Amino acid sequence: MQHLPLRLFTSLLLVLIAASCSKTESWSDIVKIDDGSTTTVERSVKLTFTGGELSQAAARHPAYYQLRAKNPKNGQAVSWTGTFGIIPIAIAFTPQKTYLVTLAFHCDAEIKKFSIRDFPYVFQESTNGMAWKIVHPSEVPTEIRSANLSSDSRPNGETLQPDRIDRTNRAMEFSSDMYYSREIPRSPSEWKYAYKNKPLCG
């Protein structure tokens, strides 16, 4: 019987472990909205083993985000579940709709539809708080200017106040060379990412 090389065996073992293990972190964002008031958004993210180099195979990475809230303008329950590699960065409310801005942060992000082709900022709206529609940025109220959701996951049920969310987002903006932007870009020309004219992946 031929034996598998140790390195290959280890890789396969890690893959099997990864397939059976995931972790969910949950926390709350106290979000500042356009009228200056705040509302609570319950956040969670499923961390999974996303592969890559063997040295990184044992590390979990944020993969699937979810959020729950109540539209303070009409009392409607709001729920959103993202596909792989999509992070929500801003939420806004009107008496008629809830709006969400999301960002693809992984090369294999599952973007079903773009707001603007190949532009990683995706704008969404919901009239019932549950079903979401991808829309062009021009269809989103101009009051949605800044990221107000935390760009980083927090374990152990933490509650993040607006000032801490802003500090976290400033750090993300700096470390990503403006790929992540606190000021929401509505077109590629407004996006200040240092390497936007180069392929995003590959």
N, C-alpha and C. Protein backbone atom coordinates (compact mmCIF):
# COMPACT_ATOMS: atom_id res chain seq x y z
N MET A 1 0.85 -1.20 0.00
CA MET A 1 0.00 0.00 0.00
C MET A 1 0.88 1.24 0.00
N GLN A 2 0.58 2.16 -0.89
CA GLN A 2 1.39 3.37 -0.99
C GLN A 2 0.90 4.39 0.03
N HIS A 3 1.85 5.00 0.74
CA HIS A 3 1.50 5.97 1.78
C HIS A 3 1.54 7.38 1.22
N LEU A 4 0.65 8.23 1.72
CA LEU A 4 0.65 9.63 1.32
C LEU A 4 1.84 10.34 1.95
N PRO A 5 2.47 11.27 1.22
CA PRO A 5 3.51 12.09 1.83
C PRO A 5 2.95 12.82 3.05
N LEU A 6 3.79 13.02 4.05
CA LEU A 6 3.34 13.63 5.30
C LEU A 6 2.71 14.99 5.07
N ARG A 7 3.33 15.82 4.22
CA ARG A 7 2.80 17.17 3.98
C ARG A 7 1.41 17.12 3.36
N LEU A 8 1.22 16.20 2.39
CA LEU A 8 -0.08 16.07 1.75
C LEU A 8 -1.11 15.55 2.74
N PHE A 9 -0.69 14.57 3.55
CA PHE A 9 -1.61 14.04 4.55
C PHE A 9 -2.04 15.13 5.53
N THR A 10 -1.07 15.96 5.95
CA THR A 10 -1.38 17.05 6.87
C THR A 10 -2.35 18.04 6.25
N SER A 11 -2.11 18.34 4.96
CA SER A 11 -3.00 19.28 4.26
C SER A 11 -4.41 18.74 4.19
N LEU A 12 -4.53 17.45 3.83
CA LEU A 12 -5.85 16.85 3.74
C LEU A 12 -6.55 16.81 5.10
N LEU A 13 -5.77 16.54 6.14
CA LEU A 13 -6.34 16.52 7.48
C LEU A 13 -6.88 17.88 7.87
N LEU A 14 -6.11 18.93 7.55
CA LEU A 14 -6.55 20.29 7.87
C LEU A 14 -7.80 20.66 7.10
N VAL A 15 -7.87 20.22 5.85
CA VAL A 15 -9.06 20.50 5.04
C VAL A 15 -10.29 19.83 5.66
N LEU A 16 -10.12 18.58 6.11
CA LEU A 16 -11.24 17.88 6.73
C LEU A 16 -11.67 18.55 8.02
N ILE A 17 -10.70 19.01 8.80
CA ILE A 17 -11.02 19.73 10.03
C ILE A 17 -11.74 21.03 9.69
N ALA A 18 -11.22 21.72 8.68
CA ALA A 18 -11.81 23.01 8.28
C ALA A 18 -13.25 22.84 7.84
N ALA A 19 -13.51 21.74 7.13
CA ALA A 19 -14.86 21.53 6.61
C ALA A 19 -15.87 21.31 7.72
N SER A 20 -15.39 20.81 8.85
CA SER A 20 -16.31 20.48 9.93
C SER A 20 -16.33 21.52 11.04
N CYS A 21 -15.46 22.52 10.96
CA CYS A 21 -15.35 23.48 12.04
C CYS A 21 -15.56 24.90 11.53
N SER A 22 -16.38 25.64 12.20
CA SER A 22 -16.53 27.06 11.94
C SER A 22 -16.86 27.72 13.26
N LYS A 23 -16.79 29.01 13.27
CA LYS A 23 -17.03 29.75 14.50
C LYS A 23 -17.82 31.00 14.15
N THR A 24 -18.75 31.36 15.00
CA THR A 24 -19.53 32.57 14.78
C THR A 24 -19.26 33.57 15.90
N GLU A 25 -18.95 34.78 15.52
CA GLU A 25 -18.77 35.87 16.48
C GLU A 25 -19.95 36.83 16.36
N SER A 26 -20.44 37.28 17.49
CA SER A 26 -21.59 38.18 17.51
C SER A 26 -21.28 39.41 18.36
N TRP A 27 -21.79 40.54 17.95
CA TRP A 27 -21.58 41.79 18.67
C TRP A 27 -22.66 42.78 18.26
N SER A 28 -22.66 43.96 18.87
CA SER A 28 -23.64 45.00 18.55
C SER A 28 -22.93 46.28 18.15
N ASP A 29 -23.40 46.90 17.08
CA ASP A 29 -22.95 48.23 16.68
C ASP A 29 -24.02 49.24 17.09
N ILE A 30 -23.61 50.29 17.80
CA ILE A 30 -24.49 51.43 18.04
C ILE A 30 -24.23 52.40 16.89
N VAL A 31 -25.16 52.46 15.98
CA VAL A 31 -24.95 53.12 14.69
C VAL A 31 -25.55 54.53 14.70
N LYS A 32 -24.76 55.49 14.27
CA LYS A 32 -25.26 56.85 14.11
C LYS A 32 -25.88 56.98 12.72
N ILE A 33 -27.11 57.48 12.66
CA ILE A 33 -27.80 57.61 11.38
C ILE A 33 -27.92 59.08 10.98
N ASP A 34 -28.54 59.33 9.83
CA ASP A 34 -28.47 60.65 9.20
C ASP A 34 -29.05 61.78 10.04
N ASP A 35 -30.02 61.51 10.90
CA ASP A 35 -30.62 62.59 11.69
C ASP A 35 -29.88 62.84 13.00
N GLY A 36 -28.73 62.15 13.19
CA GLY A 36 -27.92 62.34 14.38
C GLY A 36 -28.24 61.41 15.52
N SER A 37 -29.34 60.68 15.42
CA SER A 37 -29.70 59.72 16.46
C SER A 37 -28.93 58.42 16.26
N THR A 38 -29.09 57.49 17.19
CA THR A 38 -28.42 56.20 17.08
C THR A 38 -29.44 55.07 17.15
N THR A 39 -29.05 53.95 16.60
CA THR A 39 -29.86 52.74 16.67
C THR A 39 -28.94 51.54 16.79
N THR A 40 -29.43 50.46 17.35
CA THR A 40 -28.60 49.27 17.56
C THR A 40 -28.75 48.31 16.39
N VAL A 41 -27.61 47.85 15.89
CA VAL A 41 -27.58 46.84 14.83
C VAL A 41 -26.87 45.62 15.39
N GLU A 42 -27.56 44.50 15.43
CA GLU A 42 -26.97 43.24 15.90
C GLU A 42 -26.18 42.62 14.75
N ARG A 43 -24.91 42.36 15.00
CA ARG A 43 -24.02 41.86 13.96
C ARG A 43 -23.53 40.45 14.29
N SER A 44 -23.25 39.67 13.26
CA SER A 44 -22.58 38.38 13.44
C SER A 44 -21.81 38.05 12.18
N VAL A 45 -20.79 37.24 12.35
CA VAL A 45 -20.01 36.78 11.21
C VAL A 45 -19.57 35.34 11.46
N LYS A 46 -19.69 34.54 10.44
CA LYS A 46 -19.22 33.16 10.50
C LYS A 46 -17.79 33.13 9.99
N LEU A 47 -16.88 32.66 10.83
CA LEU A 47 -15.49 32.55 10.46
C LEU A 47 -15.21 31.13 9.98
N THR A 48 -14.56 31.01 8.84
CA THR A 48 -14.28 29.70 8.28
C THR A 48 -12.82 29.63 7.87
N PHE A 49 -12.38 28.41 7.58
CA PHE A 49 -11.05 28.20 7.05
C PHE A 49 -11.12 28.39 5.54
N THR A 50 -10.48 29.41 5.03
CA THR A 50 -10.62 29.74 3.61
C THR A 50 -9.48 29.20 2.76
N GLY A 51 -8.65 28.36 3.31
CA GLY A 51 -7.58 27.75 2.51
C GLY A 51 -6.37 28.64 2.41
N GLY A 52 -5.66 28.57 1.29
CA GLY A 52 -4.45 29.34 1.11
C GLY A 52 -3.23 28.53 1.48
N GLU A 53 -2.17 29.22 1.90
CA GLU A 53 -0.93 28.55 2.26
C GLU A 53 -1.14 27.64 3.47
N LEU A 54 -0.34 26.59 3.52
CA LEU A 54 -0.45 25.63 4.61
C LEU A 54 -0.27 26.32 5.95
N SER A 55 0.63 27.32 6.01
CA SER A 55 0.89 28.01 7.26
C SER A 55 -0.31 28.80 7.75
N GLN A 56 -1.27 29.10 6.83
CA GLN A 56 -2.45 29.87 7.20
C GLN A 56 -3.70 28.99 7.29
N ALA A 57 -3.54 27.72 7.00
CA ALA A 57 -4.72 26.86 6.87
C ALA A 57 -5.48 26.69 8.17
N ALA A 58 -4.79 26.84 9.31
CA ALA A 58 -5.45 26.63 10.59
C ALA A 58 -6.12 27.90 11.12
N ALA A 59 -6.05 28.99 10.38
CA ALA A 59 -6.62 30.26 10.83
C ALA A 59 -8.00 30.47 10.24
N ARG A 60 -8.96 30.83 11.08
CA ARG A 60 -10.29 31.16 10.60
C ARG A 60 -10.32 32.61 10.12
N HIS A 61 -11.12 32.86 9.09
CA HIS A 61 -11.23 34.20 8.54
C HIS A 61 -12.71 34.57 8.39
N PRO A 62 -13.06 35.85 8.55
CA PRO A 62 -14.45 36.27 8.37
C PRO A 62 -14.94 35.89 6.98
N ALA A 63 -16.13 35.33 6.89
CA ALA A 63 -16.61 34.85 5.59
C ALA A 63 -18.06 35.25 5.31
N TYR A 64 -18.96 34.98 6.24
CA TYR A 64 -20.39 35.22 6.00
C TYR A 64 -20.93 36.15 7.09
N TYR A 65 -21.34 37.34 6.70
CA TYR A 65 -21.86 38.33 7.64
C TYR A 65 -23.39 38.31 7.67
N GLN A 66 -23.93 38.64 8.84
CA GLN A 66 -25.36 38.83 9.01
C GLN A 66 -25.60 40.06 9.88
N LEU A 67 -26.78 40.65 9.74
CA LEU A 67 -27.17 41.72 10.66
C LEU A 67 -28.67 41.72 10.87
N ARG A 68 -29.06 42.24 12.02
CA ARG A 68 -30.47 42.41 12.37
C ARG A 68 -30.62 43.78 13.02
N ALA A 69 -31.73 44.44 12.72
CA ALA A 69 -31.97 45.76 13.29
C ALA A 69 -33.46 46.04 13.22
N LYS A 70 -33.84 47.22 13.69
CA LYS A 70 -35.21 47.70 13.53
C LYS A 70 -35.13 49.07 12.89
N ASN A 71 -35.88 49.25 11.82
CA ASN A 71 -35.90 50.55 11.15
C ASN A 71 -36.54 51.57 12.11
N PRO A 72 -35.75 52.54 12.61
CA PRO A 72 -36.31 53.47 13.60
C PRO A 72 -37.32 54.44 13.00
N LYS A 73 -37.41 54.48 11.67
CA LYS A 73 -38.35 55.40 11.02
C LYS A 73 -39.75 54.80 10.87
N ASN A 74 -39.83 53.45 10.93
CA ASN A 74 -41.16 52.82 10.77
C ASN A 74 -41.37 51.60 11.67
N GLY A 75 -40.36 51.23 12.48
CA GLY A 75 -40.50 50.12 13.40
C GLY A 75 -40.38 48.74 12.78
N GLN A 76 -40.04 48.68 11.51
CA GLN A 76 -39.98 47.41 10.78
C GLN A 76 -38.70 46.63 11.14
N ALA A 77 -38.85 45.31 11.34
CA ALA A 77 -37.68 44.46 11.58
C ALA A 77 -36.88 44.34 10.29
N VAL A 78 -35.55 44.36 10.44
CA VAL A 78 -34.65 44.30 9.30
C VAL A 78 -33.69 43.13 9.50
N SER A 79 -33.49 42.34 8.46
CA SER A 79 -32.57 41.21 8.52
C SER A 79 -31.86 41.08 7.18
N TRP A 80 -30.55 40.86 7.24
CA TRP A 80 -29.75 40.69 6.02
C TRP A 80 -28.71 39.62 6.25
N THR A 81 -28.55 38.73 5.28
CA THR A 81 -27.52 37.70 5.31
C THR A 81 -26.71 37.79 4.04
N GLY A 82 -25.40 37.92 4.19
CA GLY A 82 -24.53 38.10 3.03
C GLY A 82 -23.99 36.80 2.48
N THR A 83 -23.59 36.84 1.24
CA THR A 83 -22.89 35.72 0.63
C THR A 83 -21.42 35.80 1.00
N PHE A 84 -20.65 34.81 0.58
CA PHE A 84 -19.25 34.71 0.97
C PHE A 84 -18.46 35.96 0.56
N GLY A 85 -17.71 36.51 1.50
CA GLY A 85 -16.78 37.59 1.20
C GLY A 85 -17.38 38.97 1.07
N ILE A 86 -18.63 39.16 1.52
CA ILE A 86 -19.30 40.45 1.41
C ILE A 86 -19.53 41.02 2.81
N ILE A 87 -19.02 42.23 3.06
CA ILE A 87 -19.17 42.86 4.37
C ILE A 87 -20.07 44.08 4.28
N PRO A 88 -21.04 44.22 5.18
CA PRO A 88 -21.86 45.43 5.20
C PRO A 88 -21.08 46.56 5.87
N ILE A 89 -21.09 47.74 5.26
CA ILE A 89 -20.31 48.85 5.81
C ILE A 89 -21.16 50.06 6.19
N ALA A 90 -22.37 50.17 5.65
CA ALA A 90 -23.22 51.31 5.99
C ALA A 90 -24.68 50.91 5.90
N ILE A 91 -25.48 51.44 6.82
CA ILE A 91 -26.92 51.20 6.81
C ILE A 91 -27.63 52.53 7.01
N ALA A 92 -28.77 52.69 6.36
CA ALA A 92 -29.56 53.91 6.48
C ALA A 92 -31.04 53.57 6.37
N PHE A 93 -31.85 54.45 6.94
CA PHE A 93 -33.28 54.17 7.03
C PHE A 93 -34.11 55.36 6.56
N THR A 94 -35.22 55.06 5.89
CA THR A 94 -36.26 56.04 5.60
C THR A 94 -37.58 55.42 6.05
N PRO A 95 -38.66 56.19 6.08
CA PRO A 95 -39.94 55.58 6.45
C PRO A 95 -40.40 54.50 5.48
N GLN A 96 -39.88 54.52 4.25
CA GLN A 96 -40.31 53.56 3.24
C GLN A 96 -39.35 52.39 3.06
N LYS A 97 -38.04 52.62 3.27
CA LYS A 97 -37.05 51.61 2.91
C LYS A 97 -35.87 51.60 3.89
N THR A 98 -35.14 50.49 3.84
CA THR A 98 -33.84 50.39 4.49
C THR A 98 -32.80 50.21 3.40
N TYR A 99 -31.67 50.91 3.55
CA TYR A 99 -30.60 50.85 2.56
C TYR A 99 -29.34 50.28 3.20
N LEU A 100 -28.57 49.57 2.40
CA LEU A 100 -27.34 48.95 2.86
C LEU A 100 -26.27 49.10 1.80
N VAL A 101 -25.06 49.43 2.24
CA VAL A 101 -23.91 49.45 1.34
C VAL A 101 -22.98 48.33 1.78
N THR A 102 -22.59 47.49 0.83
CA THR A 102 -21.71 46.37 1.14
C THR A 102 -20.45 46.45 0.28
N LEU A 103 -19.42 45.73 0.73
CA LEU A 103 -18.13 45.76 0.04
C LEU A 103 -17.59 44.34 -0.10
N ALA A 104 -17.17 44.00 -1.29
CA ALA A 104 -16.52 42.70 -1.52
C ALA A 104 -15.08 42.79 -1.02
N PHE A 105 -14.72 41.94 -0.07
CA PHE A 105 -13.39 42.04 0.53
C PHE A 105 -12.54 40.80 0.25
N HIS A 106 -13.01 39.90 -0.58
CA HIS A 106 -12.27 38.67 -0.87
C HIS A 106 -12.28 38.44 -2.38
N CYS A 107 -11.18 37.94 -2.91
CA CYS A 107 -11.10 37.72 -4.36
C CYS A 107 -12.16 36.75 -4.86
N ASP A 108 -12.60 35.84 -4.00
CA ASP A 108 -13.62 34.87 -4.38
C ASP A 108 -15.00 35.26 -3.87
N ALA A 109 -15.19 36.54 -3.56
CA ALA A 109 -16.47 37.00 -3.04
C ALA A 109 -17.60 36.65 -4.00
N GLU A 110 -18.71 36.20 -3.44
CA GLU A 110 -19.85 35.77 -4.24
C GLU A 110 -20.77 36.98 -4.51
N ILE A 111 -20.41 37.74 -5.53
CA ILE A 111 -21.22 38.89 -5.92
C ILE A 111 -22.18 38.43 -7.01
N LYS A 112 -23.46 38.38 -6.68
CA LYS A 112 -24.45 37.91 -7.65
C LYS A 112 -24.76 38.98 -8.68
N LYS A 113 -24.65 40.25 -8.26
CA LYS A 113 -24.94 41.35 -9.16
C LYS A 113 -24.22 42.60 -8.65
N PHE A 114 -23.67 43.38 -9.56
CA PHE A 114 -23.00 44.62 -9.20
C PHE A 114 -23.98 45.79 -9.29
N SER A 115 -23.72 46.84 -8.49
CA SER A 115 -24.40 48.12 -8.72
C SER A 115 -23.80 48.79 -9.94
N ILE A 116 -22.46 48.74 -10.02
CA ILE A 116 -21.69 49.20 -11.18
C ILE A 116 -20.71 48.08 -11.49
N ARG A 117 -20.65 47.64 -12.70
CA ARG A 117 -19.86 46.47 -13.07
C ARG A 117 -18.42 46.58 -12.57
N ASP A 118 -17.96 45.52 -11.90
CA ASP A 118 -16.59 45.38 -11.40
C ASP A 118 -16.22 46.40 -10.33
N PHE A 119 -17.19 47.13 -9.80
CA PHE A 119 -16.97 48.08 -8.71
C PHE A 119 -17.40 47.38 -7.42
N PRO A 120 -16.49 47.18 -6.44
CA PRO A 120 -16.80 46.29 -5.31
C PRO A 120 -17.79 46.84 -4.29
N TYR A 121 -18.17 48.10 -4.41
CA TYR A 121 -19.19 48.66 -3.52
C TYR A 121 -20.57 48.38 -4.12
N VAL A 122 -21.37 47.64 -3.38
CA VAL A 122 -22.68 47.22 -3.87
C VAL A 122 -23.77 47.84 -2.98
N PHE A 123 -24.73 48.50 -3.61
CA PHE A 123 -25.79 49.22 -2.91
C PHE A 123 -27.08 48.40 -2.98
N GLN A 124 -27.75 48.28 -1.83
CA GLN A 124 -28.96 47.45 -1.74
C GLN A 124 -30.08 48.21 -1.04
N GLU A 125 -31.31 47.85 -1.35
CA GLU A 125 -32.46 48.44 -0.68
C GLU A 125 -33.49 47.35 -0.38
N SER A 126 -34.30 47.61 0.65
CA SER A 126 -35.37 46.68 1.02
C SER A 126 -36.59 47.47 1.46
N THR A 127 -37.75 47.07 0.96
CA THR A 127 -38.99 47.71 1.37
C THR A 127 -39.66 46.98 2.53
N ASN A 128 -39.35 45.70 2.70
CA ASN A 128 -39.97 44.94 3.78
C ASN A 128 -38.99 44.51 4.86
N GLY A 129 -37.71 44.91 4.72
CA GLY A 129 -36.71 44.59 5.72
C GLY A 129 -36.10 43.22 5.58
N MET A 130 -36.57 42.41 4.65
CA MET A 130 -36.10 41.04 4.50
C MET A 130 -35.56 40.74 3.10
N ALA A 131 -36.30 41.14 2.08
CA ALA A 131 -35.89 40.91 0.69
C ALA A 131 -35.10 42.12 0.21
N TRP A 132 -33.93 41.84 -0.40
CA TRP A 132 -33.02 42.92 -0.78
C TRP A 132 -32.84 42.96 -2.29
N LYS A 133 -32.75 44.18 -2.81
CA LYS A 133 -32.59 44.42 -4.24
C LYS A 133 -31.33 45.24 -4.47
N ILE A 134 -30.51 44.81 -5.44
CA ILE A 134 -29.32 45.57 -5.82
C ILE A 134 -29.76 46.76 -6.66
N VAL A 135 -29.27 47.95 -6.31
CA VAL A 135 -29.66 49.15 -7.03
C VAL A 135 -28.42 49.95 -7.43
N HIS A 136 -28.59 50.85 -8.37
CA HIS A 136 -27.53 51.77 -8.78
C HIS A 136 -27.35 52.82 -7.67
N PRO A 137 -26.13 53.30 -7.45
CA PRO A 137 -25.91 54.30 -6.40
C PRO A 137 -26.80 55.53 -6.53
N SER A 138 -27.19 55.87 -7.74
CA SER A 138 -28.04 57.05 -7.95
C SER A 138 -29.43 56.88 -7.33
N GLU A 139 -29.81 55.63 -7.03
CA GLU A 139 -31.12 55.35 -6.44
C GLU A 139 -31.10 55.38 -4.92
N VAL A 140 -29.91 55.62 -4.36
CA VAL A 140 -29.75 55.62 -2.91
C VAL A 140 -29.71 57.07 -2.41
N PRO A 141 -30.40 57.39 -1.31
CA PRO A 141 -30.40 58.77 -0.81
C PRO A 141 -29.00 59.33 -0.61
N THR A 142 -28.84 60.60 -0.92
CA THR A 142 -27.52 61.25 -0.81
C THR A 142 -27.06 61.35 0.64
N GLU A 143 -27.98 61.16 1.60
CA GLU A 143 -27.61 61.22 3.01
C GLU A 143 -26.67 60.08 3.39
N ILE A 144 -26.64 59.03 2.58
CA ILE A 144 -25.73 57.91 2.88
C ILE A 144 -24.35 58.29 2.37
N ARG A 145 -23.56 58.86 3.26
CA ARG A 145 -22.25 59.37 2.87
C ARG A 145 -21.09 58.61 3.51
N SER A 146 -21.31 58.08 4.71
CA SER A 146 -20.20 57.52 5.47
C SER A 146 -20.51 56.13 6.01
N ALA A 147 -19.46 55.33 6.14
CA ALA A 147 -19.59 54.00 6.75
C ALA A 147 -19.94 54.18 8.22
N ASN A 148 -20.97 53.50 8.69
CA ASN A 148 -21.36 53.59 10.10
C ASN A 148 -21.43 52.24 10.79
N LEU A 149 -21.12 51.17 10.05
CA LEU A 149 -21.02 49.83 10.64
C LEU A 149 -19.55 49.47 10.84
N SER A 150 -19.27 48.72 11.88
CA SER A 150 -17.88 48.34 12.16
C SER A 150 -17.32 47.45 11.06
N SER A 151 -16.09 47.75 10.65
CA SER A 151 -15.43 46.97 9.61
C SER A 151 -14.71 45.75 10.17
N ASP A 152 -14.75 45.56 11.48
CA ASP A 152 -14.04 44.45 12.10
C ASP A 152 -15.00 43.69 13.00
N SER A 153 -14.86 42.38 13.04
CA SER A 153 -15.71 41.57 13.91
C SER A 153 -15.21 41.66 15.35
N ARG A 154 -16.13 41.52 16.28
CA ARG A 154 -15.80 41.60 17.70
C ARG A 154 -16.38 40.39 18.42
N PRO A 155 -15.58 39.66 19.18
CA PRO A 155 -16.09 38.48 19.89
C PRO A 155 -16.76 38.85 21.21
N ASN A 156 -17.36 37.85 21.82
CA ASN A 156 -17.85 37.93 23.20
C ASN A 156 -18.96 38.94 23.42
N GLY A 157 -19.76 39.18 22.40
CA GLY A 157 -20.93 40.02 22.60
C GLY A 157 -20.65 41.46 22.92
N GLU A 158 -19.55 42.01 22.44
CA GLU A 158 -19.22 43.41 22.70
C GLU A 158 -20.24 44.35 22.07
N THR A 159 -20.35 45.54 22.64
CA THR A 159 -21.16 46.61 22.07
C THR A 159 -20.22 47.75 21.70
N LEU A 160 -20.25 48.14 20.43
CA LEU A 160 -19.35 49.18 19.94
C LEU A 160 -20.11 50.49 19.79
N GLN A 161 -19.62 51.53 20.44
CA GLN A 161 -20.18 52.86 20.32
C GLN A 161 -19.69 53.53 19.03
N PRO A 162 -20.39 54.57 18.56
CA PRO A 162 -20.01 55.20 17.29
C PRO A 162 -18.56 55.66 17.21
N ASP A 163 -18.01 56.20 18.31
CA ASP A 163 -16.63 56.67 18.24
C ASP A 163 -15.64 55.52 18.05
N ARG A 164 -15.93 54.39 18.68
CA ARG A 164 -15.04 53.24 18.50
C ARG A 164 -15.19 52.64 17.10
N ILE A 165 -16.42 52.62 16.60
CA ILE A 165 -16.62 52.16 15.22
C ILE A 165 -15.81 53.02 14.26
N ASP A 166 -15.84 54.33 14.47
CA ASP A 166 -15.10 55.22 13.59
C ASP A 166 -13.60 54.99 13.68
N ARG A 167 -13.08 54.76 14.89
CA ARG A 167 -11.64 54.47 15.03
C ARG A 167 -11.27 53.18 14.32
N THR A 168 -12.10 52.17 14.49
CA THR A 168 -11.85 50.89 13.81
C THR A 168 -11.84 51.08 12.30
N ASN A 169 -12.78 51.86 11.80
CA ASN A 169 -12.89 52.06 10.36
C ASN A 169 -11.76 52.91 9.81
N ARG A 170 -11.28 53.86 10.60
CA ARG A 170 -10.11 54.65 10.18
C ARG A 170 -8.91 53.74 10.00
N ALA A 171 -8.73 52.83 10.95
CA ALA A 171 -7.60 51.90 10.86
C ALA A 171 -7.73 50.99 9.64
N MET A 172 -8.94 50.53 9.35
CA MET A 172 -9.16 49.69 8.18
C MET A 172 -8.88 50.47 6.90
N GLU A 173 -9.30 51.70 6.86
CA GLU A 173 -9.08 52.55 5.70
C GLU A 173 -7.58 52.69 5.42
N PHE A 174 -6.82 52.94 6.47
CA PHE A 174 -5.37 53.11 6.33
C PHE A 174 -4.70 51.81 5.90
N SER A 175 -5.05 50.70 6.56
CA SER A 175 -4.37 49.43 6.29
C SER A 175 -4.71 48.86 4.92
N SER A 176 -5.84 49.28 4.35
CA SER A 176 -6.26 48.76 3.04
C SER A 176 -5.91 49.68 1.88
N ASP A 177 -5.13 50.73 2.16
CA ASP A 177 -4.77 51.69 1.11
C ASP A 177 -6.00 52.29 0.44
N MET A 178 -7.05 52.51 1.25
CA MET A 178 -8.30 53.12 0.81
C MET A 178 -9.17 52.19 -0.04
N TYR A 179 -8.83 50.88 -0.09
CA TYR A 179 -9.78 49.94 -0.71
C TYR A 179 -11.11 50.05 0.04
N TYR A 180 -10.99 49.98 1.37
CA TYR A 180 -12.14 50.28 2.22
C TYR A 180 -12.12 51.78 2.48
N SER A 181 -13.23 52.44 2.23
CA SER A 181 -13.31 53.89 2.40
C SER A 181 -14.46 54.25 3.33
N ARG A 182 -14.16 55.06 4.35
CA ARG A 182 -15.23 55.51 5.25
C ARG A 182 -16.20 56.44 4.53
N GLU A 183 -15.68 57.24 3.62
CA GLU A 183 -16.53 58.07 2.78
C GLU A 183 -16.98 57.22 1.60
N ILE A 184 -18.27 56.93 1.52
CA ILE A 184 -18.77 55.96 0.55
C ILE A 184 -18.59 56.48 -0.88
N PRO A 185 -17.78 55.79 -1.69
CA PRO A 185 -17.68 56.18 -3.11
C PRO A 185 -18.88 55.65 -3.88
N ARG A 186 -19.42 56.48 -4.74
CA ARG A 186 -20.59 56.07 -5.52
C ARG A 186 -20.24 55.75 -6.97
N SER A 187 -18.98 55.83 -7.29
CA SER A 187 -18.52 55.50 -8.64
C SER A 187 -17.04 55.20 -8.57
N PRO A 188 -16.49 54.50 -9.57
CA PRO A 188 -15.05 54.24 -9.58
C PRO A 188 -14.22 55.52 -9.53
N SER A 189 -14.72 56.60 -10.12
CA SER A 189 -13.95 57.85 -10.13
C SER A 189 -13.85 58.47 -8.73
N GLU A 190 -14.81 58.18 -7.85
CA GLU A 190 -14.77 58.70 -6.48
C GLU A 190 -13.96 57.81 -5.54
N TRP A 191 -13.67 56.62 -5.98
CA TRP A 191 -12.96 55.64 -5.15
C TRP A 191 -11.48 56.01 -5.09
N LYS A 192 -10.93 56.14 -3.90
CA LYS A 192 -9.56 56.61 -3.72
C LYS A 192 -8.56 55.47 -3.48
N TYR A 193 -8.95 54.26 -3.79
CA TYR A 193 -8.06 53.12 -3.62
C TYR A 193 -6.79 53.32 -4.43
N ALA A 194 -5.64 53.13 -3.79
CA ALA A 194 -4.35 53.44 -4.42
C ALA A 194 -4.07 52.60 -5.65
N TYR A 195 -4.64 51.39 -5.72
CA TYR A 195 -4.30 50.47 -6.81
C TYR A 195 -5.52 50.10 -7.66
N LYS A 196 -6.49 50.99 -7.73
CA LYS A 196 -7.74 50.65 -8.41
C LYS A 196 -7.57 50.45 -9.91
N ASN A 197 -6.49 50.94 -10.49
CA ASN A 197 -6.27 50.77 -11.93
C ASN A 197 -5.54 49.48 -12.26
N LYS A 198 -5.26 48.68 -11.23
CA LYS A 198 -4.64 47.38 -11.43
C LYS A 198 -5.67 46.29 -11.14
N PRO A 199 -5.47 45.08 -11.65
CA PRO A 199 -6.41 44.00 -11.35
C PRO A 199 -6.55 43.81 -9.84
N LEU A 200 -7.79 43.70 -9.36
CA LEU A 200 -8.02 43.57 -7.93
C LEU A 200 -7.55 42.23 -7.40
N CYS A 201 -7.56 41.22 -8.25
CA CYS A 201 -7.15 39.88 -7.84
C CYS A 201 -6.27 39.27 -8.91
N GLY A 202 -5.44 38.34 -8.47
CA GLY A 202 -4.61 37.64 -9.44
C GLY A 202 -3.26 38.28 -9.63
